[in-house]
Amino acid sequence: MSNNYEPTLPMDVFERYLTEALQIYAPASPTLRNAMEYSVSTGGKRFRPMLLLTTALFGKGNVEDAFPAAAALEWIHTYSLIHDDLPAMDDDDFRRGKPTTHKQFNEAVAILAGDALLTAAFTMILNQESISYEKRVLLAKALGEAAGPNGMVAGQMNDIEGEEKELSLEQLAAIHQKKTGELIEYALYAGCLLADVPVNATTSLRSYGKHLGLAYQIHNDLKDVLLDTDDSGKEAGRDQVLGKNTYPSLLGVSGAAERLETEIQAAENELEKIRLGADAAVVNVEYLDVLHQLLEYVKIDSGV
C-alpha cells in the first residue's frame, strides 16, 4: 500500500441511500414521506453514520453491508431531534438553520414523521438479507436498547426532570451518557459486529465511543454559550432559558473546556491502544486516523 494512501468514506453514496430508502419504507403517504425526507435532509453532519462506516472499514468489512444499520441510526437520531424540537419539549423553531419539522409542516405531521422514522429503522435492519439473521437480530436489539427507555429516551426524561434542579457532575454525566452517548457507542458496536472486529479492539472502540459521546455533549453545551443563533443554526442560550444543567453551568466555560479536553484525550488513548496491538492482516489500521479526525469536531478551536 502506498504511503500516500488516505482512507476515505463513501458518504456521497451513503447520502443517496439514506434518502432513497425512504421511497421503499414510506410509500403510503406522500405528506408523511415529504416530512421524513425534509427532516433527514436538513444538512446533518452524519456523525454517527460516519463512525459506524469507519469502524466497519477498519474491520475490513463490506461498507455497503453497513449502510442499512448506519441509515437506521441516522433515522432514529433524526426522529429524536424532531420530537426534541416540539413545543412540549424544547420548543425550538430552527434546526441547522432551517425551520424545525413542526414549523415547516405542523405538530401532528412532525410527531408522525418521527414515529415513522423510528419504526422504519428497525424494519430496514431486519430486512437486510446480505448479513446473517443472527447479526440482524443483534443489531436491532442493541439499537432498541440504545435508543429506548433505558437509553436515549431515559436520558431525555432525566434531562427534563433535572430542569430547575442542581445536579452533580456524576448525575449530569449519567444523563448525557444515555441521552447522547448511547447512540454514539452503538455506532462503534454495530460497525464492529458487522465487520467481525476482534474482541480487544471492539472493547477499546466502545470505550472510545463512551468518551466521544460525553465530549460531544460538552461540546454542544459550550456551543450554546459561545455561539450566537446565526453561527449555531438554532436559537442560542436555550439551555439557560430552559433551566438545564450543563457543563458550563456547573463548571464554568473554562472548567467545561478542561473536561472536554480530558474526554478527548481519553478517546485518543483508546485509539492508540488499538494501534499498538493491531494486526494489519485483520484490520485496516489507516481507519483509526479517520476516527482520530472525527475527534476534531468536538474540539473547541475547530468544532466551535
Protein backbone atom coordinates (compact mmCIF):
# COMPACT_ATOMS: atom_id res chain seq x y z
CA MET A 1 0.00 0.00 0.00
CA SER A 2 1.28 3.45 -0.87
CA ASN A 3 2.40 5.73 1.94
CA ASN A 4 0.21 8.40 0.32
CA TYR A 5 -2.92 6.31 0.84
CA GLU A 6 -5.70 8.28 2.52
CA PRO A 7 -8.68 6.34 3.87
CA THR A 8 -12.00 7.72 2.65
CA LEU A 9 -15.67 7.21 3.42
CA PRO A 10 -18.32 6.77 0.69
CA MET A 11 -20.53 9.46 2.17
CA ASP A 12 -21.96 10.65 -1.17
CA VAL A 13 -23.17 7.12 -1.91
CA PHE A 14 -24.50 6.74 1.62
CA GLU A 15 -26.32 10.07 1.42
CA ARG A 16 -28.25 8.87 -1.62
CA TYR A 17 -29.02 5.58 0.10
CA LEU A 18 -30.26 7.42 3.20
CA THR A 19 -32.96 9.34 1.34
CA GLU A 20 -33.77 6.82 -1.43
CA ALA A 21 -34.56 4.20 1.20
CA LEU A 22 -37.45 6.38 2.31
CA GLN A 23 -39.11 5.68 -1.04
CA ILE A 24 -39.11 2.00 -0.09
CA TYR A 25 -40.09 2.27 3.57
CA ALA A 26 -42.57 5.18 3.43
CA PRO A 27 -44.55 4.88 0.18
CA ALA A 28 -48.08 5.04 1.60
CA SER A 29 -48.41 8.77 2.36
CA PRO A 30 -46.71 11.50 0.29
CA THR A 31 -47.21 14.02 3.11
CA LEU A 32 -45.56 11.75 5.65
CA ARG A 33 -42.71 10.86 3.31
CA ASN A 34 -42.12 14.53 2.47
CA ALA A 35 -41.86 15.36 6.16
CA MET A 36 -39.47 12.46 6.74
CA GLU A 37 -37.32 13.48 3.77
CA TYR A 38 -37.29 17.10 4.91
CA SER A 39 -36.19 16.10 8.39
CA VAL A 40 -33.46 13.75 7.19
CA SER A 41 -32.19 16.18 4.53
CA THR A 42 -31.70 19.38 6.53
CA GLY A 43 -27.91 19.24 6.48
CA GLY A 44 -26.88 16.99 9.36
CA LYS A 45 -23.25 16.05 9.81
CA ARG A 46 -23.99 12.28 9.62
CA PHE A 47 -21.59 11.97 12.54
CA ARG A 48 -22.99 8.68 13.83
CA PRO A 49 -23.11 7.00 10.40
CA MET A 50 -19.53 8.12 9.78
CA LEU A 51 -18.47 6.40 12.99
CA LEU A 52 -20.30 3.22 12.04
CA LEU A 53 -18.99 3.10 8.46
CA THR A 54 -15.44 3.91 9.56
CA THR A 55 -15.49 1.11 12.10
CA ALA A 56 -16.78 -1.38 9.51
CA LEU A 57 -13.99 -0.35 7.11
CA PHE A 58 -11.46 -0.61 9.94
CA GLY A 59 -12.53 -4.24 10.32
CA LYS A 60 -12.25 -4.84 6.55
CA GLY A 61 -15.99 -5.29 6.27
CA ASN A 62 -18.16 -4.63 3.21
CA VAL A 63 -19.10 -1.00 3.69
CA GLU A 64 -22.37 -1.30 1.74
CA ASP A 65 -23.46 -4.02 4.17
CA ALA A 66 -23.17 -1.34 6.84
CA PHE A 67 -25.44 1.14 5.04
CA PRO A 68 -28.77 -0.12 6.48
CA ALA A 69 -27.55 0.00 10.09
CA ALA A 70 -25.98 3.41 9.51
CA ALA A 71 -29.15 4.75 7.90
CA ALA A 72 -31.31 3.28 10.66
CA LEU A 73 -29.11 5.00 13.22
CA GLU A 74 -29.43 8.35 11.44
CA TRP A 75 -33.19 7.95 11.10
CA ILE A 76 -33.51 7.35 14.83
CA HIS A 77 -31.25 10.29 15.60
CA THR A 78 -33.43 12.44 13.31
CA TYR A 79 -36.65 11.26 14.93
CA SER A 80 -35.24 12.24 18.32
CA LEU A 81 -34.46 15.74 17.05
CA ILE A 82 -37.94 16.16 15.56
CA HIS A 83 -39.51 15.31 18.91
CA ASP A 84 -36.98 17.31 20.94
CA ASP A 85 -37.87 20.42 18.95
CA LEU A 86 -41.62 20.17 19.62
CA PRO A 87 -43.34 22.81 21.80
CA ALA A 88 -43.90 20.21 24.51
CA MET A 89 -40.16 19.60 24.71
CA ASP A 90 -37.52 22.23 23.84
CA ASP A 91 -39.86 24.35 21.66
CA ASP A 92 -37.26 25.21 19.01
CA ASP A 93 -38.17 27.00 15.79
CA PHE A 94 -34.92 26.30 13.94
CA ARG A 95 -32.61 23.34 13.49
CA ARG A 96 -29.42 23.56 11.40
CA GLY A 97 -30.52 27.00 10.25
CA LYS A 98 -33.84 25.76 8.83
CA PRO A 99 -37.37 25.66 10.27
CA THR A 100 -37.90 22.65 12.50
CA THR A 101 -40.24 19.97 11.18
CA HIS A 102 -43.25 21.12 13.19
CA LYS A 103 -42.73 24.66 11.89
CA GLN A 104 -42.30 23.55 8.28
CA PHE A 105 -45.38 21.29 8.44
CA ASN A 106 -47.32 21.14 11.73
CA GLU A 107 -47.07 19.40 15.08
CA ALA A 108 -49.15 16.37 14.11
CA VAL A 109 -47.14 15.74 10.94
CA ALA A 110 -43.88 16.19 12.87
CA ILE A 111 -44.89 13.66 15.53
CA LEU A 112 -45.90 11.11 12.89
CA ALA A 113 -42.73 11.70 10.85
CA GLY A 114 -40.68 10.98 13.96
CA ASP A 115 -42.73 7.87 14.74
CA ALA A 116 -42.30 6.65 11.16
CA LEU A 117 -38.52 7.14 11.13
CA LEU A 118 -38.20 5.29 14.44
CA THR A 119 -40.20 2.24 13.40
CA ALA A 120 -38.91 2.05 9.81
CA ALA A 121 -35.34 1.96 11.15
CA PHE A 122 -35.89 -1.46 12.71
CA THR A 123 -37.68 -2.80 9.64
CA MET A 124 -34.74 -1.77 7.46
CA ILE A 125 -32.22 -3.59 9.66
CA LEU A 126 -34.30 -6.75 9.92
CA ASN A 127 -34.93 -6.81 6.16
CA GLN A 128 -31.23 -6.85 5.30
CA GLU A 129 -30.64 -10.22 3.69
CA SER A 130 -26.94 -9.61 2.91
CA ILE A 131 -26.00 -10.32 6.53
CA SER A 132 -26.90 -13.21 8.80
CA TYR A 133 -30.17 -13.34 10.66
CA GLU A 134 -28.22 -13.51 13.92
CA LYS A 135 -26.43 -10.23 13.17
CA ARG A 136 -29.70 -8.57 12.18
CA VAL A 137 -31.27 -9.53 15.49
CA LEU A 138 -28.24 -8.36 17.48
CA LEU A 139 -28.15 -5.04 15.62
CA ALA A 140 -31.86 -4.42 16.17
CA LYS A 141 -31.72 -5.48 19.83
CA ALA A 142 -28.74 -3.24 20.59
CA LEU A 143 -30.32 -0.30 18.76
CA GLY A 144 -33.53 -0.69 20.73
CA GLU A 145 -31.57 -0.73 23.97
CA ALA A 146 -29.50 2.31 22.99
CA ALA A 147 -32.47 4.37 21.78
CA GLY A 148 -35.22 3.21 24.13
CA PRO A 149 -36.42 3.59 27.71
CA ASN A 150 -33.08 2.53 29.19
CA GLY A 151 -31.02 4.58 26.74
CA MET A 152 -31.63 7.80 24.83
CA VAL A 153 -35.27 8.19 25.86
CA ALA A 154 -34.38 7.66 29.52
CA GLY A 155 -31.66 10.30 29.18
CA GLN A 156 -34.16 12.73 27.71
CA MET A 157 -36.59 12.03 30.54
CA ASN A 158 -33.89 12.52 33.17
CA ASP A 159 -32.82 15.73 31.45
CA ILE A 160 -36.35 17.12 31.65
CA GLU A 161 -36.75 16.08 35.27
CA GLY A 162 -33.42 17.74 36.08
CA GLU A 163 -34.52 21.16 34.81
CA GLU A 164 -34.53 23.81 37.54
CA LYS A 165 -32.66 21.38 39.85
CA GLU A 166 -28.97 21.43 40.67
CA LEU A 167 -27.39 18.16 39.63
CA SER A 168 -23.97 16.80 40.48
CA LEU A 169 -21.38 16.22 37.77
CA GLU A 170 -21.91 12.48 38.15
CA GLN A 171 -25.65 12.84 37.64
CA LEU A 172 -25.13 15.08 34.62
CA ALA A 173 -22.65 12.65 33.07
CA ALA A 174 -25.11 9.77 33.57
CA ILE A 175 -27.84 11.74 31.79
CA HIS A 176 -25.58 12.58 28.86
CA GLN A 177 -24.29 9.03 28.57
CA LYS A 178 -27.85 7.91 27.95
CA LYS A 179 -29.16 10.89 26.02
CA THR A 180 -26.20 11.31 23.65
CA GLY A 181 -23.60 8.65 24.33
CA GLU A 182 -25.67 5.50 23.83
CA LEU A 183 -26.26 6.04 20.10
CA ILE A 184 -22.64 7.07 19.54
CA GLU A 185 -21.43 3.94 21.29
CA TYR A 186 -23.92 1.91 19.26
CA ALA A 187 -22.32 3.19 16.06
CA LEU A 188 -18.98 1.71 17.15
CA TYR A 189 -20.57 -1.55 18.32
CA ALA A 190 -22.55 -2.00 15.09
CA GLY A 191 -19.52 -1.41 12.88
CA CYS A 192 -17.52 -3.92 14.90
CA LEU A 193 -20.29 -6.52 14.76
CA LEU A 194 -20.76 -6.17 11.01
CA ALA A 195 -17.02 -6.49 10.30
CA ASP A 196 -16.19 -9.09 12.96
CA VAL A 197 -13.63 -6.80 14.60
CA PRO A 198 -11.51 -8.66 17.21
CA VAL A 199 -12.76 -8.55 20.80
CA ASN A 200 -9.95 -6.41 22.26
CA ALA A 201 -10.30 -3.78 19.56
CA THR A 202 -14.09 -3.82 19.93
CA THR A 203 -13.77 -3.18 23.67
CA SER A 204 -11.43 -0.23 23.08
CA LEU A 205 -13.60 1.19 20.30
CA ARG A 206 -16.67 1.09 22.53
CA SER A 207 -14.66 2.85 25.24
CA TYR A 208 -13.59 5.43 22.64
CA GLY A 209 -17.30 5.86 21.88
CA LYS A 210 -18.16 6.47 25.55
CA HIS A 211 -15.57 9.24 25.85
CA LEU A 212 -16.53 10.69 22.47
CA GLY A 213 -20.21 10.72 23.45
CA LEU A 214 -19.52 12.74 26.57
CA ALA A 215 -17.18 15.05 24.68
CA TYR A 216 -19.89 15.54 22.04
CA GLN A 217 -22.38 16.71 24.66
CA ILE A 218 -19.90 19.01 26.43
CA HIS A 219 -19.09 20.50 23.04
CA ASN A 220 -22.81 21.12 22.41
CA ASP A 221 -23.17 22.73 25.84
CA LEU A 222 -20.29 25.07 25.06
CA LYS A 223 -21.73 25.97 21.65
CA ASP A 224 -24.95 27.06 23.31
CA VAL A 225 -22.93 29.52 25.41
CA LEU A 226 -20.26 30.63 22.96
CA LEU A 227 -22.09 30.90 19.64
CA ASP A 228 -24.92 33.14 18.52
CA THR A 229 -28.01 31.88 16.70
CA ASP A 230 -26.61 32.50 13.20
CA ASP A 231 -23.46 30.50 13.90
CA SER A 232 -25.07 27.61 15.77
CA GLY A 233 -28.03 27.07 13.43
CA LYS A 234 -30.51 27.09 16.34
CA GLU A 235 -31.53 29.61 18.97
CA ALA A 236 -28.58 30.32 21.24
CA GLY A 237 -28.92 30.33 25.02
CA ARG A 238 -31.81 27.87 25.09
CA ASP A 239 -30.20 25.72 27.80
CA GLN A 240 -30.22 28.63 30.23
CA VAL A 241 -33.79 29.61 29.31
CA LEU A 242 -34.97 26.04 29.97
CA GLY A 243 -33.04 25.83 33.23
CA LYS A 244 -30.98 22.89 32.02
CA ASN A 245 -27.94 21.61 33.85
CA THR A 246 -24.91 21.86 31.57
CA TYR A 247 -21.17 21.54 31.95
CA PRO A 248 -20.66 25.32 31.63
CA SER A 249 -23.36 25.95 34.25
CA LEU A 250 -21.69 23.56 36.71
CA LEU A 251 -18.01 24.11 35.88
CA GLY A 252 -17.92 27.45 34.10
CA VAL A 253 -16.78 27.78 30.49
CA SER A 254 -13.09 27.18 31.26
CA GLY A 255 -13.86 24.19 33.51
CA ALA A 256 -16.11 22.68 30.85
CA ALA A 257 -13.39 23.19 28.25
CA GLU A 258 -10.91 21.37 30.51
CA ARG A 259 -13.32 18.46 30.99
CA LEU A 260 -13.80 18.35 27.24
CA GLU A 261 -10.05 18.03 26.71
CA THR A 262 -9.90 15.24 29.29
CA GLU A 263 -12.55 13.22 27.44
CA ILE A 264 -10.88 13.81 24.06
CA GLN A 265 -7.54 12.66 25.44
CA ALA A 266 -9.13 9.52 26.88
CA ALA A 267 -10.67 8.74 23.48
CA GLU A 268 -7.30 9.27 21.79
CA ASN A 269 -5.69 6.90 24.28
CA GLU A 270 -8.12 4.15 23.31
CA LEU A 271 -7.24 4.58 19.63
CA GLU A 272 -3.53 4.41 20.44
CA LYS A 273 -4.11 1.22 22.41
CA ILE A 274 -5.75 -0.33 19.36
CA ARG A 275 -2.99 0.89 17.05
CA LEU A 276 -0.27 -0.72 19.20
CA GLY A 277 -1.98 -4.10 19.15
CA ALA A 278 -3.42 -4.04 15.62
CA ASP A 279 -2.81 -6.85 13.14
CA ALA A 280 -2.69 -5.44 9.60
CA ALA A 281 -3.86 -8.80 8.27
CA VAL A 282 -7.13 -8.43 10.17
CA VAL A 283 -7.84 -4.68 10.26
CA ASN A 284 -7.24 -1.54 8.21
CA VAL A 285 -5.19 0.48 10.69
CA GLU A 286 -5.49 3.58 8.49
CA TYR A 287 -9.12 3.99 9.52
CA LEU A 288 -8.01 4.73 13.05
CA ASP A 289 -6.83 8.01 11.54
CA VAL A 290 -10.40 8.75 10.46
CA LEU A 291 -11.68 8.08 13.98
CA HIS A 292 -8.97 10.41 15.24
CA GLN A 293 -10.04 13.07 12.73
CA LEU A 294 -13.65 12.80 13.89
CA LEU A 295 -12.50 13.94 17.31
CA GLU A 296 -11.68 17.29 15.69
CA TYR A 297 -15.39 18.00 15.54
CA VAL A 298 -15.71 18.15 19.32
CA LYS A 299 -12.65 20.32 19.91
CA ILE A 300 -13.14 23.92 20.91
CA ASP A 301 -10.83 25.54 18.36
CA SER A 302 -12.04 23.55 15.34
CA GLY A 303 -15.51 22.35 16.32
CA VAL A 304 -16.71 25.63 17.83
